[in-house]
Amino acid sequence: MEGDRTASHEKVKLFLGRYPEYEKTLRLAVAHEEAEGSSDGQGWQWHDVDTHPTKLIRLVTEGIARISLRSRQATYYLLRERTIVKKSLNELS
């Protein structure tokens, strides 16, 4: 299990190295999930993380976020491993 966490941590660090513009998005996603608590499972939308919806697809395809709910009106996202994303962001600071 620890090996998987390390790989995921490295994956997030590499992603942020390639796409530094996602740092703000991921920080806002972590903050939103921690403020709301992800107990409801709904997650956050593009405007919650101040990012155009099409850019969020990259987070999904990279395995950093997942779509938690999709309706005609909105798409909601959740981070797959919030603690790993948070750790990676803290190392950037």
N, C-alpha and C. Protein backbone atom coordinates (compact mmCIF):
# COMPACT_ATOMS: atom_id res chain seq x y z
N MET A 1 0.83 -1.20 0.00
CA MET A 1 0.00 0.00 0.00
C MET A 1 0.86 1.25 0.00
N GLU A 2 1.93 1.25 0.81
CA GLU A 2 2.79 2.43 0.88
C GLU A 2 3.43 2.72 -0.47
N GLY A 3 3.76 1.68 -1.22
CA GLY A 3 4.33 1.89 -2.54
C GLY A 3 3.36 2.61 -3.47
N ASP A 4 2.08 2.27 -3.36
CA ASP A 4 1.06 2.94 -4.17
C ASP A 4 0.97 4.42 -3.80
N ARG A 5 1.04 4.72 -2.50
CA ARG A 5 0.94 6.11 -2.06
C ARG A 5 2.13 6.91 -2.58
N THR A 6 3.31 6.33 -2.51
CA THR A 6 4.50 7.02 -3.00
C THR A 6 4.38 7.28 -4.50
N ALA A 7 3.90 6.29 -5.23
CA ALA A 7 3.74 6.46 -6.68
C ALA A 7 2.73 7.57 -6.96
N SER A 8 1.64 7.60 -6.22
CA SER A 8 0.64 8.63 -6.42
C SER A 8 1.20 10.00 -6.07
N HIS A 9 1.97 10.05 -4.99
CA HIS A 9 2.59 11.30 -4.58
C HIS A 9 3.54 11.80 -5.67
N GLU A 10 4.34 10.91 -6.21
CA GLU A 10 5.26 11.28 -7.29
C GLU A 10 4.49 11.72 -8.53
N LYS A 11 3.37 11.05 -8.79
CA LYS A 11 2.55 11.40 -9.95
C LYS A 11 2.02 12.84 -9.83
N VAL A 12 1.55 13.20 -8.64
CA VAL A 12 1.04 14.55 -8.42
C VAL A 12 2.17 15.57 -8.55
N LYS A 13 3.32 15.25 -7.98
CA LYS A 13 4.47 16.17 -8.07
C LYS A 13 4.89 16.36 -9.53
N LEU A 14 4.94 15.29 -10.29
CA LEU A 14 5.30 15.40 -11.71
C LEU A 14 4.26 16.21 -12.47
N PHE A 15 2.98 15.98 -12.17
CA PHE A 15 1.91 16.72 -12.82
C PHE A 15 2.06 18.22 -12.56
N LEU A 16 2.29 18.59 -11.31
CA LEU A 16 2.44 20.00 -10.97
C LEU A 16 3.72 20.59 -11.58
N GLY A 17 4.71 19.76 -11.78
CA GLY A 17 5.93 20.21 -12.45
C GLY A 17 5.67 20.53 -13.91
N ARG A 18 4.84 19.72 -14.56
CA ARG A 18 4.49 19.94 -15.97
C ARG A 18 3.45 21.03 -16.14
N TYR A 19 2.51 21.10 -15.21
CA TYR A 19 1.39 22.05 -15.31
C TYR A 19 1.26 22.88 -14.04
N PRO A 20 2.17 23.80 -13.82
CA PRO A 20 2.15 24.59 -12.57
C PRO A 20 0.90 25.46 -12.43
N GLU A 21 0.20 25.73 -13.52
CA GLU A 21 -1.02 26.54 -13.44
C GLU A 21 -2.14 25.83 -12.67
N TYR A 22 -2.00 24.53 -12.43
CA TYR A 22 -3.01 23.78 -11.68
C TYR A 22 -2.81 23.87 -10.16
N GLU A 23 -1.74 24.49 -9.73
CA GLU A 23 -1.49 24.59 -8.29
C GLU A 23 -2.65 25.29 -7.58
N LYS A 24 -3.07 26.44 -8.10
CA LYS A 24 -4.18 27.19 -7.49
C LYS A 24 -5.46 26.35 -7.49
N THR A 25 -5.74 25.69 -8.60
CA THR A 25 -6.93 24.85 -8.71
C THR A 25 -6.93 23.77 -7.64
N LEU A 26 -5.80 23.09 -7.49
CA LEU A 26 -5.73 22.00 -6.51
C LEU A 26 -5.80 22.52 -5.08
N ARG A 27 -5.19 23.68 -4.82
CA ARG A 27 -5.28 24.27 -3.48
C ARG A 27 -6.74 24.61 -3.15
N LEU A 28 -7.46 25.17 -4.11
CA LEU A 28 -8.86 25.50 -3.88
C LEU A 28 -9.72 24.24 -3.73
N ALA A 29 -9.39 23.20 -4.47
CA ALA A 29 -10.13 21.94 -4.35
C ALA A 29 -9.94 21.33 -2.97
N VAL A 30 -8.70 21.33 -2.48
CA VAL A 30 -8.42 20.81 -1.13
C VAL A 30 -9.18 21.63 -0.10
N ALA A 31 -9.09 22.95 -0.22
CA ALA A 31 -9.77 23.83 0.74
C ALA A 31 -11.29 23.61 0.72
N HIS A 32 -11.85 23.46 -0.47
CA HIS A 32 -13.29 23.26 -0.59
C HIS A 32 -13.70 21.93 0.05
N GLU A 33 -12.95 20.88 -0.24
CA GLU A 33 -13.30 19.57 0.31
C GLU A 33 -13.16 19.55 1.83
N GLU A 34 -12.15 20.24 2.35
CA GLU A 34 -11.96 20.25 3.79
C GLU A 34 -13.02 21.12 4.48
N ALA A 35 -13.41 22.20 3.84
CA ALA A 35 -14.43 23.09 4.41
C ALA A 35 -15.80 22.43 4.40
N GLU A 36 -16.12 21.81 3.30
CA GLU A 36 -17.43 21.19 3.14
C GLU A 36 -17.48 19.82 3.81
N GLY A 37 -16.32 19.19 3.89
CA GLY A 37 -16.31 17.79 4.31
C GLY A 37 -16.88 16.98 3.17
N SER A 38 -16.21 15.96 2.75
CA SER A 38 -16.68 15.21 1.59
C SER A 38 -17.64 14.11 2.00
N SER A 39 -18.29 14.27 3.15
CA SER A 39 -19.22 13.25 3.61
C SER A 39 -20.44 13.14 2.68
N ASP A 40 -20.84 14.27 2.10
CA ASP A 40 -21.99 14.22 1.19
C ASP A 40 -21.62 13.61 -0.15
N GLY A 41 -20.33 13.58 -0.46
CA GLY A 41 -19.86 12.97 -1.69
C GLY A 41 -20.11 13.77 -2.95
N GLN A 42 -20.71 14.94 -2.80
CA GLN A 42 -21.04 15.71 -4.00
C GLN A 42 -19.81 16.34 -4.62
N GLY A 43 -18.97 16.99 -3.84
CA GLY A 43 -17.74 17.57 -4.36
C GLY A 43 -17.87 19.02 -4.75
N TRP A 44 -16.99 19.45 -5.66
CA TRP A 44 -16.90 20.85 -6.07
C TRP A 44 -17.10 20.96 -7.58
N GLN A 45 -17.44 22.18 -8.00
CA GLN A 45 -17.64 22.46 -9.42
C GLN A 45 -16.51 23.36 -9.91
N TRP A 46 -16.49 23.61 -11.22
CA TRP A 46 -15.42 24.40 -11.83
C TRP A 46 -15.31 25.78 -11.20
N HIS A 47 -16.41 26.42 -10.89
CA HIS A 47 -16.35 27.78 -10.35
C HIS A 47 -15.85 27.79 -8.90
N ASP A 48 -15.96 26.67 -8.20
CA ASP A 48 -15.44 26.59 -6.84
C ASP A 48 -13.91 26.63 -6.81
N VAL A 49 -13.29 26.18 -7.90
CA VAL A 49 -11.83 26.12 -7.97
C VAL A 49 -11.26 27.11 -8.99
N ASP A 50 -12.11 28.03 -9.45
CA ASP A 50 -11.69 29.12 -10.32
C ASP A 50 -10.94 28.63 -11.56
N THR A 51 -11.50 27.60 -12.21
CA THR A 51 -10.87 27.00 -13.38
C THR A 51 -11.92 26.69 -14.43
N HIS A 52 -11.59 26.88 -15.68
CA HIS A 52 -12.52 26.57 -16.77
C HIS A 52 -12.83 25.06 -16.75
N PRO A 53 -14.08 24.70 -16.98
CA PRO A 53 -14.47 23.28 -16.92
C PRO A 53 -13.64 22.35 -17.79
N THR A 54 -13.23 22.81 -18.95
CA THR A 54 -12.47 21.93 -19.84
C THR A 54 -11.09 21.58 -19.26
N LYS A 55 -10.55 22.46 -18.42
CA LYS A 55 -9.26 22.17 -17.80
C LYS A 55 -9.36 21.08 -16.73
N LEU A 56 -10.55 20.91 -16.17
CA LEU A 56 -10.70 19.90 -15.13
C LEU A 56 -10.63 18.48 -15.68
N ILE A 57 -10.90 18.34 -16.96
CA ILE A 57 -10.82 17.02 -17.58
C ILE A 57 -9.40 16.46 -17.47
N ARG A 58 -8.40 17.32 -17.55
CA ARG A 58 -7.01 16.85 -17.42
C ARG A 58 -6.78 16.24 -16.03
N LEU A 59 -7.36 16.85 -14.99
CA LEU A 59 -7.22 16.28 -13.65
C LEU A 59 -7.85 14.89 -13.57
N VAL A 60 -8.95 14.71 -14.29
CA VAL A 60 -9.63 13.41 -14.30
C VAL A 60 -8.81 12.39 -15.08
N THR A 61 -8.34 12.77 -16.26
CA THR A 61 -7.58 11.81 -17.08
C THR A 61 -6.24 11.45 -16.44
N GLU A 62 -5.68 12.36 -15.65
CA GLU A 62 -4.42 12.08 -14.95
C GLU A 62 -4.64 11.27 -13.68
N GLY A 63 -5.90 11.08 -13.29
CA GLY A 63 -6.19 10.28 -12.10
C GLY A 63 -6.07 11.05 -10.79
N ILE A 64 -6.02 12.37 -10.86
CA ILE A 64 -5.90 13.19 -9.65
C ILE A 64 -7.28 13.50 -9.08
N ALA A 65 -8.25 13.67 -9.95
CA ALA A 65 -9.63 13.92 -9.53
C ALA A 65 -10.54 12.92 -10.23
N ARG A 66 -11.76 12.85 -9.73
CA ARG A 66 -12.76 12.00 -10.38
C ARG A 66 -14.07 12.76 -10.42
N ILE A 67 -14.91 12.37 -11.36
CA ILE A 67 -16.24 12.96 -11.43
C ILE A 67 -17.10 12.22 -10.40
N SER A 68 -17.65 12.99 -9.47
CA SER A 68 -18.47 12.36 -8.43
C SER A 68 -19.95 12.38 -8.76
N LEU A 69 -20.36 13.38 -9.54
CA LEU A 69 -21.77 13.49 -9.92
C LEU A 69 -21.88 14.31 -11.20
N ARG A 70 -22.65 13.79 -12.13
CA ARG A 70 -22.87 14.52 -13.39
C ARG A 70 -24.37 14.59 -13.64
N SER A 71 -24.85 15.80 -13.90
CA SER A 71 -26.26 15.99 -14.22
C SER A 71 -26.35 16.90 -15.44
N ARG A 72 -27.53 17.21 -15.85
CA ARG A 72 -27.69 18.14 -16.97
C ARG A 72 -27.22 19.54 -16.61
N GLN A 73 -27.35 19.89 -15.34
CA GLN A 73 -27.02 21.24 -14.90
C GLN A 73 -25.56 21.40 -14.47
N ALA A 74 -24.92 20.35 -13.97
CA ALA A 74 -23.59 20.53 -13.39
C ALA A 74 -22.81 19.22 -13.35
N THR A 75 -21.49 19.37 -13.23
CA THR A 75 -20.60 18.25 -12.98
C THR A 75 -19.84 18.56 -11.71
N TYR A 76 -19.79 17.59 -10.81
CA TYR A 76 -19.08 17.74 -9.54
C TYR A 76 -17.88 16.82 -9.53
N TYR A 77 -16.80 17.29 -8.90
CA TYR A 77 -15.54 16.56 -8.86
C TYR A 77 -15.09 16.36 -7.41
N LEU A 78 -14.29 15.33 -7.19
CA LEU A 78 -13.62 15.10 -5.92
C LEU A 78 -12.19 14.67 -6.21
N LEU A 79 -11.28 15.04 -5.35
CA LEU A 79 -9.90 14.57 -5.47
C LEU A 79 -9.88 13.09 -5.10
N ARG A 80 -9.07 12.32 -5.82
CA ARG A 80 -8.97 10.90 -5.51
C ARG A 80 -8.23 10.68 -4.19
N GLU A 81 -7.15 11.39 -3.97
CA GLU A 81 -6.34 11.25 -2.75
C GLU A 81 -6.02 12.63 -2.22
N ARG A 82 -6.94 13.21 -1.48
CA ARG A 82 -6.77 14.58 -1.00
C ARG A 82 -5.49 14.72 -0.16
N THR A 83 -5.20 13.75 0.71
CA THR A 83 -4.01 13.87 1.56
C THR A 83 -2.72 13.90 0.74
N ILE A 84 -2.68 13.14 -0.33
CA ILE A 84 -1.49 13.12 -1.19
C ILE A 84 -1.37 14.43 -1.94
N VAL A 85 -2.47 14.94 -2.45
CA VAL A 85 -2.45 16.23 -3.15
C VAL A 85 -2.01 17.32 -2.19
N LYS A 86 -2.55 17.31 -0.99
CA LYS A 86 -2.20 18.32 0.01
C LYS A 86 -0.71 18.25 0.36
N LYS A 87 -0.20 17.05 0.54
CA LYS A 87 1.23 16.86 0.84
C LYS A 87 2.09 17.41 -0.31
N SER A 88 1.72 17.11 -1.53
CA SER A 88 2.47 17.57 -2.70
C SER A 88 2.46 19.11 -2.77
N LEU A 89 1.31 19.71 -2.49
CA LEU A 89 1.20 21.17 -2.52
C LEU A 89 2.04 21.80 -1.41
N ASN A 90 2.04 21.18 -0.24
CA ASN A 90 2.84 21.71 0.87
C ASN A 90 4.32 21.67 0.56
N GLU A 91 4.75 20.66 -0.19
CA GLU A 91 6.16 20.58 -0.56
C GLU A 91 6.56 21.65 -1.57
N LEU A 92 5.59 22.16 -2.32
CA LEU A 92 5.87 23.25 -3.26
C LEU A 92 6.12 24.57 -2.54
N SER A 93 5.49 24.73 -1.40
CA SER A 93 5.58 26.00 -0.67
C SER A 93 6.96 26.22 -0.07
